[in-house]
């Protein structure tokens, strides 16, 4: 990315700089920051503008936290983060499974980018959806009503993340001209 592109499009910079953070300082995340992250998720695109995503915030003193930790190999993240946003699809709002799942992914990415922009660290916990049958009752939610998509764990970062990417040429299937 050229310096001009980076300066002109801060969202492109945020996309390149955002990393998954799994260690947190313990400093509380403000309500305003949580609301800003949720607002970013709310603005994710959805097919037919059906807006099927729903969010459940789990704070630091929520008694469900320890039971959730028991449902994932990332228990340390669940225990150490300040706030978790449970990302769900509301089943009566769905119209196309593929598009609705893509909407949930877009909401998760928006929330991760918002957390990064606010100076927070966050990580998308997707492995926990393998335990959906146990997780929904812990949250007091009915499987007839909601489908678990992910949990976004966030807090003030106690680490810097790192990442490697394959070259762009490995992703582009055919050469193109502009």
C-alpha atoms as a PDB file:
ATOM      1  CA  UNK A   1       0.000   0.000   0.000  1.00  0.00           C
ATOM      2  CA  UNK A   2       1.406   3.368  -0.939  1.00  0.00           C
ATOM      3  CA  UNK A   3       1.861   6.078   1.668  1.00  0.00           C
ATOM      4  CA  UNK A   4      -0.702   8.202  -0.200  1.00  0.00           C
ATOM      5  CA  UNK A   5      -3.312   5.431  -0.042  1.00  0.00           C
ATOM      6  CA  UNK A   6      -2.584   4.881   3.649  1.00  0.00           C
ATOM      7  CA  UNK A   7      -2.981   8.563   4.506  1.00  0.00           C
ATOM      8  CA  UNK A   8      -6.101   8.975   2.388  1.00  0.00           C
ATOM      9  CA  UNK A   9      -7.864   5.849   3.664  1.00  0.00           C
ATOM     10  CA  UNK A  10      -7.393   5.236   7.390  1.00  0.00           C
ATOM     11  CA  UNK A  11      -9.691   2.231   7.279  1.00  0.00           C
ATOM     12  CA  UNK A  12      -7.181   0.464   4.998  1.00  0.00           C
ATOM     13  CA  UNK A  13      -4.477   1.151   7.567  1.00  0.00           C
ATOM     14  CA  UNK A  14      -6.693  -0.172  10.369  1.00  0.00           C
ATOM     15  CA  UNK A  15      -7.367  -3.361   8.407  1.00  0.00           C
ATOM     16  CA  UNK A  16      -3.623  -3.953   7.996  1.00  0.00           C
ATOM     17  CA  UNK A  17      -2.721  -3.056  11.603  1.00  0.00           C
ATOM     18  CA  UNK A  18      -5.510  -4.834  13.524  1.00  0.00           C
ATOM     19  CA  UNK A  19      -4.376  -8.009  15.251  1.00  0.00           C
ATOM     20  CA  UNK A  20      -5.986 -10.630  17.457  1.00  0.00           C
ATOM     21  CA  UNK A  21      -5.199  -9.818  21.088  1.00  0.00           C
ATOM     22  CA  UNK A  22      -5.523 -12.553  23.700  1.00  0.00           C
ATOM     23  CA  UNK A  23      -3.899 -10.900  26.745  1.00  0.00           C
ATOM     24  CA  UNK A  24      -5.418  -7.941  28.559  1.00  0.00           C
ATOM     25  CA  UNK A  25      -4.338  -5.499  31.285  1.00  0.00           C
ATOM     26  CA  UNK A  26      -7.455  -5.718  33.442  1.00  0.00           C
ATOM     27  CA  UNK A  27      -8.205  -2.018  32.987  1.00  0.00           C
ATOM     28  CA  UNK A  28     -11.974  -1.605  32.545  1.00  0.00           C
ATOM     29  CA  UNK A  29     -13.402  -0.812  29.121  1.00  0.00           C
ATOM     30  CA  UNK A  30     -15.745   2.164  29.270  1.00  0.00           C
ATOM     31  CA  UNK A  31     -19.442   1.803  28.528  1.00  0.00           C
ATOM     32  CA  UNK A  32     -19.005   4.385  25.768  1.00  0.00           C
ATOM     33  CA  UNK A  33     -16.357   2.257  24.072  1.00  0.00           C
ATOM     34  CA  UNK A  34     -18.532  -0.862  24.311  1.00  0.00           C
ATOM     35  CA  UNK A  35     -21.437   1.050  22.791  1.00  0.00           C
ATOM     36  CA  UNK A  36     -19.200   2.316  19.975  1.00  0.00           C
ATOM     37  CA  UNK A  37     -18.130  -1.255  19.193  1.00  0.00           C
ATOM     38  CA  UNK A  38     -21.747  -2.435  19.201  1.00  0.00           C
ATOM     39  CA  UNK A  39     -22.722   0.466  16.965  1.00  0.00           C
ATOM     40  CA  UNK A  40     -20.056  -0.595  14.467  1.00  0.00           C
ATOM     41  CA  UNK A  41     -21.507  -4.107  14.463  1.00  0.00           C
ATOM     42  CA  UNK A  42     -25.000  -2.731  13.944  1.00  0.00           C
ATOM     43  CA  UNK A  43     -23.880  -0.993  10.752  1.00  0.00           C
ATOM     44  CA  UNK A  44     -22.601  -4.171   9.096  1.00  0.00           C
ATOM     45  CA  UNK A  45     -24.260  -4.987   5.786  1.00  0.00           C
ATOM     46  CA  UNK A  46     -27.004  -7.587   5.650  1.00  0.00           C
ATOM     47  CA  UNK A  47     -28.919  -9.139   2.777  1.00  0.00           C
ATOM     48  CA  UNK A  48     -32.199  -7.338   2.110  1.00  0.00           C
ATOM     49  CA  UNK A  49     -31.223  -5.159   5.077  1.00  0.00           C
ATOM     50  CA  UNK A  50     -32.791  -7.810   7.329  1.00  0.00           C
ATOM     51  CA  UNK A  51     -30.338  -6.998  10.156  1.00  0.00           C
ATOM     52  CA  UNK A  52     -30.356 -10.458  11.805  1.00  0.00           C
ATOM     53  CA  UNK A  53     -27.423  -9.923  14.189  1.00  0.00           C
ATOM     54  CA  UNK A  54     -27.985  -9.556  17.904  1.00  0.00           C
ATOM     55  CA  UNK A  55     -25.430  -8.809  20.609  1.00  0.00           C
ATOM     56  CA  UNK A  56     -25.232  -9.879  24.245  1.00  0.00           C
ATOM     57  CA  UNK A  57     -22.616  -8.112  26.385  1.00  0.00           C
ATOM     58  CA  UNK A  58     -20.941 -10.123  29.126  1.00  0.00           C
ATOM     59  CA  UNK A  59     -19.208  -7.831  31.614  1.00  0.00           C
ATOM     60  CA  UNK A  60     -16.326  -8.602  33.971  1.00  0.00           C
ATOM     61  CA  UNK A  61     -18.516  -9.601  36.920  1.00  0.00           C
ATOM     62  CA  UNK A  62     -21.084 -11.629  34.985  1.00  0.00           C
ATOM     63  CA  UNK A  63     -21.547 -14.992  36.747  1.00  0.00           C
ATOM     64  CA  UNK A  64     -21.902 -16.751  33.362  1.00  0.00           C
ATOM     65  CA  UNK A  65     -18.289 -16.017  32.503  1.00  0.00           C
ATOM     66  CA  UNK A  66     -16.757 -19.032  34.267  1.00  0.00           C
ATOM     67  CA  UNK A  67     -19.267 -21.423  32.704  1.00  0.00           C
ATOM     68  CA  UNK A  68     -18.426 -19.950  29.287  1.00  0.00           C
ATOM     69  CA  UNK A  69     -14.719 -20.430  29.987  1.00  0.00           C
ATOM     70  CA  UNK A  70     -15.433 -24.126  30.474  1.00  0.00           C
ATOM     71  CA  UNK A  71     -16.784 -24.345  26.925  1.00  0.00           C
ATOM     72  CA  UNK A  72     -13.652 -23.285  25.035  1.00  0.00           C
ATOM     73  CA  UNK A  73      -9.984 -24.090  24.783  1.00  0.00           C
ATOM     74  CA  UNK A  74      -9.488 -20.308  25.025  1.00  0.00           C
ATOM     75  CA  UNK A  75     -10.683 -20.211  28.632  1.00  0.00           C
ATOM     76  CA  UNK A  76      -7.829 -17.866  29.612  1.00  0.00           C
ATOM     77  CA  UNK A  77      -9.134 -15.275  27.128  1.00  0.00           C
ATOM     78  CA  UNK A  78     -12.676 -15.547  28.510  1.00  0.00           C
ATOM     79  CA  UNK A  79     -11.362 -15.116  32.052  1.00  0.00           C
ATOM     80  CA  UNK A  80      -8.907 -12.268  31.314  1.00  0.00           C
ATOM     81  CA  UNK A  81     -10.817 -10.019  28.917  1.00  0.00           C
ATOM     82  CA  UNK A  82     -12.860  -7.181  30.350  1.00  0.00           C
ATOM     83  CA  UNK A  83     -15.890  -7.521  28.088  1.00  0.00           C
ATOM     84  CA  UNK A  84     -17.264 -10.115  25.708  1.00  0.00           C
ATOM     85  CA  UNK A  85     -19.786  -9.492  22.979  1.00  0.00           C
ATOM     86  CA  UNK A  86     -21.717 -12.615  22.106  1.00  0.00           C
ATOM     87  CA  UNK A  87     -22.669 -12.394  18.439  1.00  0.00           C
ATOM     88  CA  UNK A  88     -25.873 -14.198  17.526  1.00  0.00           C
ATOM     89  CA  UNK A  89     -28.286 -14.488  14.643  1.00  0.00           C
ATOM     90  CA  UNK A  90     -31.959 -14.061  15.500  1.00  0.00           C
ATOM     91  CA  UNK A  91     -33.592 -16.910  13.607  1.00  0.00           C
ATOM     92  CA  UNK A  92     -36.887 -15.205  12.817  1.00  0.00           C
ATOM     93  CA  UNK A  93     -34.935 -12.461  10.995  1.00  0.00           C
ATOM     94  CA  UNK A  94     -33.102 -14.861   8.654  1.00  0.00           C
ATOM     95  CA  UNK A  95     -33.878 -15.145   4.984  1.00  0.00           C
ATOM     96  CA  UNK A  96     -30.820 -16.833   3.441  1.00  0.00           C
ATOM     97  CA  UNK A  97     -28.396 -18.874   5.553  1.00  0.00           C
ATOM     98  CA  UNK A  98     -25.287 -18.053   3.533  1.00  0.00           C
ATOM     99  CA  UNK A  99     -25.987 -14.316   3.374  1.00  0.00           C
ATOM    100  CA  UNK A 100     -26.992 -14.141   7.029  1.00  0.00           C
ATOM    101  CA  UNK A 101     -23.823 -15.910   8.147  1.00  0.00           C
ATOM    102  CA  UNK A 102     -21.829 -13.495   5.997  1.00  0.00           C
ATOM    103  CA  UNK A 103     -23.638 -10.627   7.755  1.00  0.00           C
ATOM    104  CA  UNK A 104     -22.505 -12.007  11.097  1.00  0.00           C
ATOM    105  CA  UNK A 105     -18.928 -12.158   9.815  1.00  0.00           C
ATOM    106  CA  UNK A 106     -19.181  -8.561   8.622  1.00  0.00           C
ATOM    107  CA  UNK A 107     -20.531  -7.500  12.030  1.00  0.00           C
ATOM    108  CA  UNK A 108     -17.653  -9.275  13.771  1.00  0.00           C
ATOM    109  CA  UNK A 109     -15.081  -7.588  11.516  1.00  0.00           C
ATOM    110  CA  UNK A 110     -16.690  -4.174  12.056  1.00  0.00           C
ATOM    111  CA  UNK A 111     -16.534  -4.692  15.825  1.00  0.00           C
ATOM    112  CA  UNK A 112     -12.902  -5.825  15.707  1.00  0.00           C
ATOM    113  CA  UNK A 113     -11.943  -2.781  13.637  1.00  0.00           C
ATOM    114  CA  UNK A 114     -13.882  -0.463  15.963  1.00  0.00           C
ATOM    115  CA  UNK A 115     -12.142  -1.938  19.008  1.00  0.00           C
ATOM    116  CA  UNK A 116      -8.782  -1.407  17.303  1.00  0.00           C
ATOM    117  CA  UNK A 117      -9.672   2.190  16.406  1.00  0.00           C
ATOM    118  CA  UNK A 118     -10.523   2.837  20.069  1.00  0.00           C
ATOM    119  CA  UNK A 119      -7.145   1.491  21.225  1.00  0.00           C
ATOM    120  CA  UNK A 120      -8.633  -1.732  22.553  1.00  0.00           C
ATOM    121  CA  UNK A 121      -7.461  -5.240  21.916  1.00  0.00           C
ATOM    122  CA  UNK A 122      -9.937  -7.863  20.744  1.00  0.00           C
ATOM    123  CA  UNK A 123     -10.126 -11.374  19.408  1.00  0.00           C
ATOM    124  CA  UNK A 124     -12.826 -13.286  17.536  1.00  0.00           C
ATOM    125  CA  UNK A 125     -13.504 -16.522  19.421  1.00  0.00           C
ATOM    126  CA  UNK A 126     -15.049 -18.802  16.836  1.00  0.00           C
ATOM    127  CA  UNK A 127     -14.086 -22.177  18.290  1.00  0.00           C
ATOM    128  CA  UNK A 128     -16.757 -21.808  20.990  1.00  0.00           C
ATOM    129  CA  UNK A 129     -19.546 -22.235  18.430  1.00  0.00           C
ATOM    130  CA  UNK A 130     -18.673 -25.940  18.464  1.00  0.00           C
ATOM    131  CA  UNK A 131     -20.250 -25.951  21.930  1.00  0.00           C
ATOM    132  CA  UNK A 132     -23.397 -24.012  20.967  1.00  0.00           C
ATOM    133  CA  UNK A 133     -25.730 -26.579  22.582  1.00  0.00           C
ATOM    134  CA  UNK A 134     -24.077 -25.917  25.956  1.00  0.00           C
ATOM    135  CA  UNK A 135     -23.376 -22.200  25.474  1.00  0.00           C
ATOM    136  CA  UNK A 136     -26.910 -21.016  24.683  1.00  0.00           C
ATOM    137  CA  UNK A 137     -28.391 -22.380  27.952  1.00  0.00           C
ATOM    138  CA  UNK A 138     -25.527 -20.810  29.917  1.00  0.00           C
ATOM    139  CA  UNK A 139     -26.543 -17.489  28.367  1.00  0.00           C
ATOM    140  CA  UNK A 140     -30.235 -18.111  29.069  1.00  0.00           C
ATOM    141  CA  UNK A 141     -31.017 -18.174  25.342  1.00  0.00           C
ATOM    142  CA  UNK A 142     -33.230 -20.569  23.410  1.00  0.00           C
ATOM    143  CA  UNK A 143     -31.808 -22.458  20.391  1.00  0.00           C
ATOM    144  CA  UNK A 144     -35.158 -21.995  18.636  1.00  0.00           C
ATOM    145  CA  UNK A 145     -34.590 -18.234  18.766  1.00  0.00           C
ATOM    146  CA  UNK A 146     -30.834 -17.710  18.386  1.00  0.00           C
ATOM    147  CA  UNK A 147     -27.850 -19.172  16.581  1.00  0.00           C
ATOM    148  CA  UNK A 148     -24.408 -18.572  18.129  1.00  0.00           C
ATOM    149  CA  UNK A 149     -21.916 -17.059  15.663  1.00  0.00           C
ATOM    150  CA  UNK A 150     -18.916 -15.958  17.734  1.00  0.00           C
ATOM    151  CA  UNK A 151     -17.766 -14.210  20.863  1.00  0.00           C
ATOM    152  CA  UNK A 152     -15.666 -11.070  20.588  1.00  0.00           C
ATOM    153  CA  UNK A 153     -13.426 -10.799  23.664  1.00  0.00           C
ATOM    154  CA  UNK A 154     -11.956  -7.365  24.292  1.00  0.00           C
ATOM    155  CA  UNK A 155     -10.072  -5.250  26.748  1.00  0.00           C
ATOM    156  CA  UNK A 156      -7.037  -3.032  26.970  1.00  0.00           C
ATOM    157  CA  UNK A 157      -4.190  -4.912  25.283  1.00  0.00           C
ATOM    158  CA  UNK A 158      -1.344  -6.384  27.317  1.00  0.00           C
ATOM    159  CA  UNK A 159       0.439  -7.602  24.190  1.00  0.00           C
ATOM    160  CA  UNK A 160       1.074  -6.616  20.618  1.00  0.00           C
ATOM    161  CA  UNK A 161      -0.265  -9.027  18.073  1.00  0.00           C
ATOM    162  CA  UNK A 162       1.541 -10.328  15.052  1.00  0.00           C
ATOM    163  CA  UNK A 163       0.460 -11.925  11.843  1.00  0.00           C
ATOM    164  CA  UNK A 164       1.811 -13.199   8.569  1.00  0.00           C
ATOM    165  CA  UNK A 165      -0.018 -13.219   5.256  1.00  0.00           C
ATOM    166  CA  UNK A 166       0.626 -15.164   2.099  1.00  0.00           C
ATOM    167  CA  UNK A 167       1.461 -12.979  -0.918  1.00  0.00           C
ATOM    168  CA  UNK A 168      -1.495 -11.388  -2.692  1.00  0.00           C
ATOM    169  CA  UNK A 169      -0.575 -13.351  -5.818  1.00  0.00           C
ATOM    170  CA  UNK A 170      -1.563 -16.544  -3.936  1.00  0.00           C
ATOM    171  CA  UNK A 171      -5.099 -15.179  -3.493  1.00  0.00           C
ATOM    172  CA  UNK A 172      -5.752 -13.742  -6.965  1.00  0.00           C
ATOM    173  CA  UNK A 173      -6.790 -16.578  -9.279  1.00  0.00           C
ATOM    174  CA  UNK A 174      -6.330 -14.759 -12.564  1.00  0.00           C
ATOM    175  CA  UNK A 175      -4.226 -11.819 -13.592  1.00  0.00           C
ATOM    176  CA  UNK A 176      -6.238  -8.736 -14.452  1.00  0.00           C
ATOM    177  CA  UNK A 177      -5.649  -5.327 -15.926  1.00  0.00           C
ATOM    178  CA  UNK A 178      -7.164  -2.106 -14.731  1.00  0.00           C
END
